[in-house]
PDB file of N, CA and C in Angstrom:
ATOM      1  N   MET A   1       1.038  -0.804   0.000  1.00  0.00           N
ATOM      2  CA  MET A   1       0.313   0.036   0.024  1.00  0.00           C
ATOM      3  C   MET A   1       0.919   1.146  -0.188  1.00  0.00           C
ATOM      4  N   ASP A   2       1.176   2.312  -0.707  1.00  0.00           N
ATOM      5  CA  ASP A   2       1.108   2.836  -0.634  1.00  0.00           C
ATOM      6  C   ASP A   2       0.393   4.950  -1.011  1.00  0.00           C
ATOM      7  N   VAL A   3       1.215   6.102  -0.276  1.00  0.00           N
ATOM      8  CA  VAL A   3      -0.078   6.997  -0.257  1.00  0.00           C
ATOM      9  C   VAL A   3      -0.899   7.303  -1.676  1.00  0.00           C
ATOM     10  N   ARG A   4       0.035   7.095  -2.807  1.00  0.00           N
ATOM     11  CA  ARG A   4      -1.037   7.542  -3.443  1.00  0.00           C
ATOM     12  C   ARG A   4      -2.050   6.562  -4.072  1.00  0.00           C
ATOM     13  N   THR A   5      -1.783   5.264  -3.506  1.00  0.00           N
ATOM     14  CA  THR A   5      -3.662   4.532  -4.072  1.00  0.00           C
ATOM     15  C   THR A   5      -4.376   4.933  -2.874  1.00  0.00           C
ATOM     16  N   LEU A   6      -4.032   5.413  -1.759  1.00  0.00           N
ATOM     17  CA  LEU A   6      -4.709   5.754  -0.495  1.00  0.00           C
ATOM     18  C   LEU A   6      -4.958   6.956  -1.321  1.00  0.00           C
ATOM     19  N   GLU A   7      -5.174   7.819  -1.795  1.00  0.00           N
ATOM     20  CA  GLU A   7      -5.287   9.251  -2.575  1.00  0.00           C
ATOM     21  C   GLU A   7      -5.923   9.413  -3.578  1.00  0.00           C
ATOM     22  N   TYR A   8      -5.550   7.672  -4.234  1.00  0.00           N
ATOM     23  CA  TYR A   8      -7.457   8.068  -4.988  1.00  0.00           C
ATOM     24  C   TYR A   8      -8.215   6.901  -4.593  1.00  0.00           C
ATOM     25  N   PHE A   9      -8.694   6.162  -3.191  1.00  0.00           N
ATOM     26  CA  PHE A   9      -9.151   5.962  -2.451  1.00  0.00           C
ATOM     27  C   PHE A   9     -10.524   6.585  -1.820  1.00  0.00           C
ATOM     28  N   VAL A  10      -9.632   7.687  -1.484  1.00  0.00           N
ATOM     29  CA  VAL A  10     -10.440   8.431  -0.602  1.00  0.00           C
ATOM     30  C   VAL A  10     -10.822  10.024  -2.030  1.00  0.00           C
ATOM     31  N   LEU A  11     -10.643   9.334  -3.040  1.00  0.00           N
ATOM     32  CA  LEU A  11     -10.761  10.491  -4.589  1.00  0.00           C
ATOM     33  C   LEU A  11     -11.983   9.294  -4.858  1.00  0.00           C
ATOM     34  N   VAL A  12     -12.394   8.694  -5.142  1.00  0.00           N
ATOM     35  CA  VAL A  12     -13.132   7.968  -4.611  1.00  0.00           C
ATOM     36  C   VAL A  12     -14.229   7.974  -4.504  1.00  0.00           C
ATOM     37  N   ALA A  13     -13.868   7.456  -2.589  1.00  0.00           N
ATOM     38  CA  ALA A  13     -14.767   7.499  -1.914  1.00  0.00           C
ATOM     39  C   ALA A  13     -15.759   9.190  -2.377  1.00  0.00           C
ATOM     40  N   GLU A  14     -15.085  10.141  -2.240  1.00  0.00           N
ATOM     41  CA  GLU A  14     -15.554  11.094  -2.735  1.00  0.00           C
ATOM     42  C   GLU A  14     -16.425  11.567  -3.227  1.00  0.00           C
ATOM     43  N   GLU A  15     -16.440  11.203  -4.461  1.00  0.00           N
ATOM     44  CA  GLU A  15     -17.156  10.965  -6.079  1.00  0.00           C
ATOM     45  C   GLU A  15     -17.822  10.599  -5.680  1.00  0.00           C
ATOM     46  N   GLY A  16     -17.809   9.057  -5.479  1.00  0.00           N
ATOM     47  CA  GLY A  16     -18.581   7.735  -6.138  1.00  0.00           C
ATOM     48  C   GLY A  16     -18.366   7.557  -6.909  1.00  0.00           C
ATOM     49  N   SER A  17     -17.341   7.510  -7.704  1.00  0.00           N
ATOM     50  CA  SER A  17     -17.126   6.592  -9.514  1.00  0.00           C
ATOM     51  C   SER A  17     -15.712   7.078  -9.377  1.00  0.00           C
ATOM     52  N   ILE A  18     -15.282   5.320  -9.452  1.00  0.00           N
ATOM     53  CA  ILE A  18     -14.101   5.821 -10.118  1.00  0.00           C
ATOM     54  C   ILE A  18     -13.545   6.527 -11.301  1.00  0.00           C
ATOM     55  N   SER A  19     -14.233   6.061 -12.259  1.00  0.00           N
ATOM     56  CA  SER A  19     -14.066   7.582 -13.481  1.00  0.00           C
ATOM     57  C   SER A  19     -14.149   8.537 -12.499  1.00  0.00           C
ATOM     58  N   ALA A  20     -14.175   9.276 -11.803  1.00  0.00           N
ATOM     59  CA  ALA A  20     -14.801  10.314 -11.188  1.00  0.00           C
ATOM     60  C   ALA A  20     -14.041  10.403 -10.865  1.00  0.00           C
ATOM     61  N   GLY A  21     -13.306  10.044  -9.759  1.00  0.00           N
ATOM     62  CA  GLY A  21     -12.247   9.996  -9.125  1.00  0.00           C
ATOM     63  C   GLY A  21     -10.387  10.246  -9.664  1.00  0.00           C
ATOM     64  N   ALA A  22     -11.398   8.581 -10.887  1.00  0.00           N
ATOM     65  CA  ALA A  22      -9.390   9.141 -11.766  1.00  0.00           C
ATOM     66  C   ALA A  22      -9.309  10.370 -12.560  1.00  0.00           C
ATOM     67  N   ARG A  23     -11.187  10.796 -12.401  1.00  0.00           N
ATOM     68  CA  ARG A  23     -10.294  12.500 -13.659  1.00  0.00           C
ATOM     69  C   ARG A  23      -9.863  13.845 -11.861  1.00  0.00           C
ATOM     70  N   ARG A  24     -10.297  13.604 -11.114  1.00  0.00           N
ATOM     71  CA  ARG A  24      -9.941  14.535 -10.118  1.00  0.00           C
ATOM     72  C   ARG A  24      -8.739  14.142 -10.284  1.00  0.00           C
ATOM     73  N   ALA A  25      -7.880  13.066  -9.797  1.00  0.00           N
ATOM     74  CA  ALA A  25      -7.030  12.302 -10.008  1.00  0.00           C
ATOM     75  C   ALA A  25      -5.675  12.827 -10.933  1.00  0.00           C
ATOM     76  N   MET A  26      -5.968  13.208 -12.614  1.00  0.00           N
ATOM     77  CA  MET A  26      -5.742  13.267 -14.264  1.00  0.00           C
ATOM     78  C   MET A  26      -5.284  11.908 -14.230  1.00  0.00           C
ATOM     79  N   VAL A  27      -5.840  10.593 -13.554  1.00  0.00           N
ATOM     80  CA  VAL A  27      -5.330   9.291 -13.975  1.00  0.00           C
ATOM     81  C   VAL A  27      -5.862   8.711 -15.157  1.00  0.00           C
ATOM     82  N   ALA A  28      -5.654   7.615 -16.010  1.00  0.00           N
ATOM     83  CA  ALA A  28      -6.848   7.268 -16.615  1.00  0.00           C
ATOM     84  C   ALA A  28      -7.129   6.203 -15.725  1.00  0.00           C
ATOM     85  N   GLN A  29      -8.638   5.515 -15.969  1.00  0.00           N
ATOM     86  CA  GLN A  29      -9.851   4.951 -14.867  1.00  0.00           C
ATOM     87  C   GLN A  29      -8.611   3.557 -14.792  1.00  0.00           C
ATOM     88  N   PRO A  30      -8.120   2.984 -15.542  1.00  0.00           N
ATOM     89  CA  PRO A  30      -8.149   0.904 -15.056  1.00  0.00           C
ATOM     90  C   PRO A  30      -6.508   1.606 -14.174  1.00  0.00           C
ATOM     91  N   ALA A  31      -6.034   2.395 -14.291  1.00  0.00           N
ATOM     92  CA  ALA A  31      -4.788   2.207 -13.175  1.00  0.00           C
ATOM     93  C   ALA A  31      -5.731   2.949 -11.663  1.00  0.00           C
ATOM     94  N   VAL A  32      -6.511   3.616 -12.065  1.00  0.00           N
ATOM     95  CA  VAL A  32      -7.312   3.818 -10.340  1.00  0.00           C
ATOM     96  C   VAL A  32      -8.359   2.492 -10.071  1.00  0.00           C
ATOM     97  N   THR A  33      -8.991   1.972 -11.432  1.00  0.00           N
ATOM     98  CA  THR A  33      -9.518   0.300 -10.738  1.00  0.00           C
ATOM     99  C   THR A  33      -7.963  -0.828 -10.573  1.00  0.00           C
ATOM    100  N   VAL A  34      -6.930  -0.423 -10.563  1.00  0.00           N
ATOM    101  CA  VAL A  34      -5.474  -1.192 -10.616  1.00  0.00           C
ATOM    102  C   VAL A  34      -6.006  -0.744  -8.749  1.00  0.00           C
ATOM    103  N   ALA A  35      -5.842   0.110  -9.114  1.00  0.00           N
ATOM    104  CA  ALA A  35      -5.102   0.292  -7.211  1.00  0.00           C
ATOM    105  C   ALA A  35      -6.119   0.210  -6.473  1.00  0.00           C
ATOM    106  N   VAL A  36      -7.282   0.368  -6.202  1.00  0.00           N
ATOM    107  CA  VAL A  36      -8.626   0.331  -5.769  1.00  0.00           C
ATOM    108  C   VAL A  36      -8.853  -1.782  -5.335  1.00  0.00           C
ATOM    109  N   ARG A  37      -8.201  -1.486  -6.593  1.00  0.00           N
ATOM    110  CA  ARG A  37      -8.851  -3.649  -6.536  1.00  0.00           C
ATOM    111  C   ARG A  37      -7.279  -4.228  -4.934  1.00  0.00           C
ATOM    112  N   LYS A  38      -5.725  -3.586  -5.427  1.00  0.00           N
ATOM    113  CA  LYS A  38      -4.948  -3.939  -5.034  1.00  0.00           C
ATOM    114  C   LYS A  38      -5.113  -3.931  -3.143  1.00  0.00           C
ATOM    115  N   LEU A  39      -5.513  -2.165  -3.452  1.00  0.00           N
ATOM    116  CA  LEU A  39      -6.168  -2.379  -1.654  1.00  0.00           C
ATOM    117  C   LEU A  39      -7.011  -2.772  -1.717  1.00  0.00           C
ATOM    118  N   GLU A  40      -7.209  -3.244  -2.094  1.00  0.00           N
ATOM    119  CA  GLU A  40      -9.163  -4.007  -1.458  1.00  0.00           C
ATOM    120  C   GLU A  40      -7.835  -5.570  -0.744  1.00  0.00           C
ATOM    121  N   ARG A  41      -7.118  -6.349  -2.125  1.00  0.00           N
ATOM    122  CA  ARG A  41      -5.952  -7.405  -1.565  1.00  0.00           C
ATOM    123  C   ARG A  41      -5.069  -7.960  -0.461  1.00  0.00           C
ATOM    124  N   ASP A  42      -4.824  -6.370  -0.482  1.00  0.00           N
ATOM    125  CA  ASP A  42      -3.837  -6.030   0.354  1.00  0.00           C
ATOM    126  C   ASP A  42      -4.763  -5.346   2.186  1.00  0.00           C
ATOM    127  N   VAL A  43      -6.195  -4.913   2.578  1.00  0.00           N
ATOM    128  CA  VAL A  43      -6.711  -4.789   2.979  1.00  0.00           C
ATOM    129  C   VAL A  43      -8.134  -5.556   3.505  1.00  0.00           C
ATOM    130  N   GLY A  44      -7.889  -7.378   2.131  1.00  0.00           N
ATOM    131  CA  GLY A  44      -8.612  -8.069   2.538  1.00  0.00           C
ATOM    132  C   GLY A  44      -9.991  -7.981   3.033  1.00  0.00           C
ATOM    133  N   ALA A  45     -10.567  -7.150   2.016  1.00  0.00           N
ATOM    134  CA  ALA A  45     -11.431  -6.920   2.295  1.00  0.00           C
ATOM    135  C   ALA A  45     -12.069  -6.371   1.671  1.00  0.00           C
ATOM    136  N   ARG A  46     -13.627  -5.969   0.878  1.00  0.00           N
ATOM    137  CA  ARG A  46     -14.906  -4.990   0.139  1.00  0.00           C
ATOM    138  C   ARG A  46     -14.271  -4.147   0.187  1.00  0.00           C
ATOM    139  N   LEU A  47     -14.281  -2.797  -0.167  1.00  0.00           N
ATOM    140  CA  LEU A  47     -14.013  -1.545  -0.282  1.00  0.00           C
ATOM    141  C   LEU A  47     -15.607  -0.658  -0.549  1.00  0.00           C
ATOM    142  N   LEU A  48     -15.751  -1.359  -1.825  1.00  0.00           N
ATOM    143  CA  LEU A  48     -16.434  -0.523  -2.761  1.00  0.00           C
ATOM    144  C   LEU A  48     -17.748  -1.619  -3.022  1.00  0.00           C
ATOM    145  N   GLU A  49     -19.051  -0.642  -3.599  1.00  0.00           N
ATOM    146  CA  GLU A  49     -19.421  -1.563  -4.078  1.00  0.00           C
ATOM    147  C   GLU A  49     -19.791  -1.011  -5.534  1.00  0.00           C
ATOM    148  N   ARG A  50     -19.344  -2.027  -5.924  1.00  0.00           N
ATOM    149  CA  ARG A  50     -19.260  -0.961  -7.456  1.00  0.00           C
ATOM    150  C   ARG A  50     -20.469  -1.332  -8.539  1.00  0.00           C
ATOM    151  N   SER A  51     -21.102  -0.406  -8.766  1.00  0.00           N
ATOM    152  CA  SER A  51     -22.599  -0.297  -9.286  1.00  0.00           C
ATOM    153  C   SER A  51     -23.109   0.610 -10.945  1.00  0.00           C
ATOM    154  N   PRO A  52     -24.001  -0.145 -11.559  1.00  0.00           N
ATOM    155  CA  PRO A  52     -23.602   0.637 -13.280  1.00  0.00           C
ATOM    156  C   PRO A  52     -23.204   2.348 -13.148  1.00  0.00           C
ATOM    157  N   GLY A  53     -24.306   3.099 -11.692  1.00  0.00           N
ATOM    158  CA  GLY A  53     -24.486   3.758 -11.501  1.00  0.00           C
ATOM    159  C   GLY A  53     -22.790   5.649 -10.686  1.00  0.00           C
ATOM    160  N   GLY A  54     -22.222   3.999  -9.941  1.00  0.00           N
ATOM    161  CA  GLY A  54     -21.410   3.797  -9.492  1.00  0.00           C
ATOM    162  C   GLY A  54     -21.080   3.457  -8.138  1.00  0.00           C
ATOM    163  N   VAL A  55     -19.737   4.184  -6.439  1.00  0.00           N
ATOM    164  CA  VAL A  55     -19.866   2.883  -6.543  1.00  0.00           C
ATOM    165  C   VAL A  55     -20.462   3.521  -5.300  1.00  0.00           C
ATOM    166  N   GLU A  56     -20.727   2.768  -4.229  1.00  0.00           N
ATOM    167  CA  GLU A  56     -20.565   3.428  -2.744  1.00  0.00           C
ATOM    168  C   GLU A  56     -19.665   2.439  -1.212  1.00  0.00           C
ATOM    169  N   LEU A  57     -19.402   3.295  -0.339  1.00  0.00           N
ATOM    170  CA  LEU A  57     -18.442   2.589   1.054  1.00  0.00           C
ATOM    171  C   LEU A  57     -18.715   1.219   1.304  1.00  0.00           C
ATOM    172  N   THR A  58     -18.678   0.374   1.605  1.00  0.00           N
ATOM    173  CA  THR A  58     -18.445  -0.861   2.099  1.00  0.00           C
ATOM    174  C   THR A  58     -18.421  -0.455   3.395  1.00  0.00           C
ATOM    175  N   ALA A  59     -19.026  -0.550   5.196  1.00  0.00           N
ATOM    176  CA  ALA A  59     -18.256  -0.686   5.783  1.00  0.00           C
ATOM    177  C   ALA A  59     -16.730  -0.358   5.750  1.00  0.00           C
ATOM    178  N   ALA A  60     -16.041  -1.378   5.751  1.00  0.00           N
ATOM    179  CA  ALA A  60     -15.218  -1.870   5.121  1.00  0.00           C
ATOM    180  C   ALA A  60     -13.920  -0.056   5.008  1.00  0.00           C
ATOM    181  N   GLY A  61     -14.921  -0.194   4.048  1.00  0.00           N
ATOM    182  CA  GLY A  61     -14.809   0.472   2.917  1.00  0.00           C
ATOM    183  C   GLY A  61     -14.465   1.789   3.937  1.00  0.00           C
ATOM    184  N   ARG A  62     -15.386   2.391   5.018  1.00  0.00           N
ATOM    185  CA  ARG A  62     -15.950   3.835   5.895  1.00  0.00           C
ATOM    186  C   ARG A  62     -14.863   3.867   6.527  1.00  0.00           C
ATOM    187  N   THR A  63     -14.668   2.661   7.446  1.00  0.00           N
ATOM    188  CA  THR A  63     -13.700   3.039   8.593  1.00  0.00           C
ATOM    189  C   THR A  63     -12.254   2.872   7.864  1.00  0.00           C
ATOM    190  N   LEU A  64     -11.874   2.608   7.230  1.00  0.00           N
ATOM    191  CA  LEU A  64     -10.519   3.119   5.228  1.00  0.00           C
ATOM    192  C   LEU A  64     -10.054   4.417   5.736  1.00  0.00           C
ATOM    193  N   LEU A  65     -11.558   4.855   5.252  1.00  0.00           N
ATOM    194  CA  LEU A  65     -11.260   6.607   4.355  1.00  0.00           C
ATOM    195  C   LEU A  65     -10.876   7.449   6.178  1.00  0.00           C
ATOM    196  N   VAL A  66     -11.743   7.534   6.641  1.00  0.00           N
ATOM    197  CA  VAL A  66     -11.815   7.736   8.336  1.00  0.00           C
ATOM    198  C   VAL A  66      -9.169   7.582   8.476  1.00  0.00           C
ATOM    199  N   HIS A  67      -9.401   6.534   8.173  1.00  0.00           N
ATOM    200  CA  HIS A  67      -8.390   6.458   7.883  1.00  0.00           C
ATOM    201  C   HIS A  67      -7.090   6.885   7.330  1.00  0.00           C
ATOM    202  N   ALA A  68      -7.196   6.461   5.508  1.00  0.00           N
ATOM    203  CA  ALA A  68      -6.727   7.137   4.620  1.00  0.00           C
ATOM    204  C   ALA A  68      -6.753   9.199   4.997  1.00  0.00           C
ATOM    205  N   ARG A  69      -8.345   9.372   5.273  1.00  0.00           N
ATOM    206  CA  ARG A  69      -7.831  10.670   4.805  1.00  0.00           C
ATOM    207  C   ARG A  69      -6.424  11.276   6.712  1.00  0.00           C
ATOM    208  N   ARG A  70      -6.821  11.033   6.883  1.00  0.00           N
ATOM    209  CA  ARG A  70      -5.494  11.076   9.153  1.00  0.00           C
ATOM    210  C   ARG A  70      -4.370  11.032   7.977  1.00  0.00           C
ATOM    211  N   VAL A  71      -4.326   9.356   7.784  1.00  0.00           N
ATOM    212  CA  VAL A  71      -2.932   9.252   6.620  1.00  0.00           C
ATOM    213  C   VAL A  71      -2.457  10.109   5.458  1.00  0.00           C
ATOM    214  N   LEU A  72      -3.021  11.209   5.150  1.00  0.00           N
ATOM    215  CA  LEU A  72      -3.225  11.883   3.497  1.00  0.00           C
ATOM    216  C   LEU A  72      -2.625  12.806   4.905  1.00  0.00           C
ATOM    217  N   ARG A  73      -3.625  13.430   5.607  1.00  0.00           N
ATOM    218  CA  ARG A  73      -3.155  15.158   6.488  1.00  0.00           C
ATOM    219  C   ARG A  73      -1.598  15.021   6.973  1.00  0.00           C
ATOM    220  N   CYS A  74      -1.216  13.226   7.711  1.00  0.00           N
ATOM    221  CA  CYS A  74      -0.548  14.002   7.952  1.00  0.00           C
ATOM    222  C   CYS A  74       1.136  13.393   6.794  1.00  0.00           C
ATOM    223  N   VAL A  75       0.639  12.627   5.357  1.00  0.00           N
ATOM    224  CA  VAL A  75       2.057  13.259   4.866  1.00  0.00           C
ATOM    225  C   VAL A  75       1.924  14.477   3.936  1.00  0.00           C
ATOM    226  N   ALA A  76       0.700  15.088   4.223  1.00  0.00           N
ATOM    227  CA  ALA A  76       1.230  16.492   3.154  1.00  0.00           C
ATOM    228  C   ALA A  76       1.712  17.025   4.197  1.00  0.00           C
ATOM    229  N   GLU A  77       1.497  17.617   6.149  1.00  0.00           N
ATOM    230  CA  GLU A  77       2.124  18.214   6.737  1.00  0.00           C
ATOM    231  C   GLU A  77       3.984  18.446   7.134  1.00  0.00           C
TER     232      GLU A  77
END
Protein backbone atom coordinates (compact mmCIF):
# COMPACT_ATOMS: atom_id res chain seq x y z
CA MET A 1 0.00 0.00 0.00
CA ASP A 2 1.34 3.43 -0.85
CA VAL A 3 0.20 7.01 -0.43
CA ARG A 4 -0.85 7.31 -4.07
CA THR A 5 -3.20 4.35 -3.69
CA LEU A 6 -4.77 5.92 -0.60
CA GLU A 7 -5.20 9.18 -2.51
CA TYR A 8 -7.00 7.35 -5.32
CA PHE A 9 -9.24 5.56 -2.83
CA VAL A 10 -10.19 8.81 -1.09
CA LEU A 11 -10.94 10.52 -4.41
CA VAL A 12 -13.11 7.62 -5.56
CA ALA A 13 -14.96 7.62 -2.24
CA GLU A 14 -15.53 11.38 -2.38
CA GLU A 15 -16.67 11.33 -6.00
CA GLY A 16 -18.77 8.17 -5.74
CA SER A 17 -17.28 6.99 -9.00
CA ILE A 18 -14.03 5.40 -10.12
CA SER A 19 -13.99 7.37 -13.37
CA ALA A 20 -14.69 10.68 -11.58
CA GLY A 21 -12.01 9.89 -9.00
CA ALA A 22 -9.59 9.17 -11.83
CA ARG A 23 -10.41 12.49 -13.50
CA ARG A 24 -9.74 14.33 -10.23
CA ALA A 25 -6.44 12.49 -9.87
CA MET A 26 -5.69 13.23 -13.53
CA VAL A 27 -4.89 9.61 -14.29
CA ALA A 28 -6.47 6.96 -16.50
CA GLN A 29 -9.46 5.16 -15.02
CA PRO A 30 -7.91 1.68 -15.44
CA ALA A 31 -4.96 2.71 -13.24
CA VAL A 32 -7.33 3.72 -10.45
CA THR A 33 -9.34 0.51 -10.83
CA VAL A 34 -6.18 -1.57 -10.53
CA ALA A 35 -4.99 0.43 -7.51
CA VAL A 36 -8.31 0.08 -5.68
CA ARG A 37 -8.47 -3.66 -6.37
CA LYS A 38 -4.93 -4.07 -5.08
CA LEU A 39 -5.85 -2.07 -1.97
CA GLU A 40 -8.82 -4.38 -1.41
CA ARG A 41 -6.49 -7.40 -1.67
CA ASP A 42 -3.98 -5.77 0.70
CA VAL A 43 -6.58 -5.07 3.40
CA GLY A 44 -8.44 -8.32 2.78
CA ALA A 45 -11.88 -6.77 2.39
CA ARG A 46 -14.15 -5.24 -0.24
CA LEU A 47 -14.02 -1.50 0.13
CA LEU A 48 -16.48 -0.53 -2.58
CA GLU A 49 -19.78 -1.84 -3.87
CA ARG A 50 -19.68 -1.23 -7.59
CA SER A 51 -22.77 -0.58 -9.72
CA PRO A 52 -23.47 1.02 -13.10
CA GLY A 53 -24.40 4.22 -11.24
CA GLY A 54 -21.10 4.48 -9.35
CA VAL A 55 -19.69 3.10 -6.13
CA GLU A 56 -20.70 3.04 -2.50
CA LEU A 57 -18.39 2.36 0.41
CA THR A 58 -18.76 -0.85 2.36
CA ALA A 59 -18.40 -0.80 6.14
CA ALA A 60 -14.71 -1.62 5.69
CA GLY A 61 -14.44 1.17 3.11
CA ARG A 62 -15.96 3.72 5.49
CA THR A 63 -13.50 2.70 8.20
CA LEU A 64 -10.53 2.87 5.85
CA LEU A 65 -11.65 6.27 4.53
CA VAL A 66 -11.35 7.79 8.01
CA HIS A 67 -7.85 6.39 8.46
CA ALA A 68 -6.75 7.15 4.89
CA ARG A 69 -7.70 10.81 5.28
CA ARG A 70 -5.74 10.95 8.55
CA VAL A 71 -2.67 9.40 6.90
CA LEU A 72 -2.87 11.80 3.96
CA ARG A 73 -3.14 14.80 6.31
CA CYS A 74 -0.04 13.61 8.19
CA VAL A 75 1.90 13.13 4.97
CA ALA A 76 0.93 16.62 3.79
CA GLU A 77 2.21 18.32 6.97
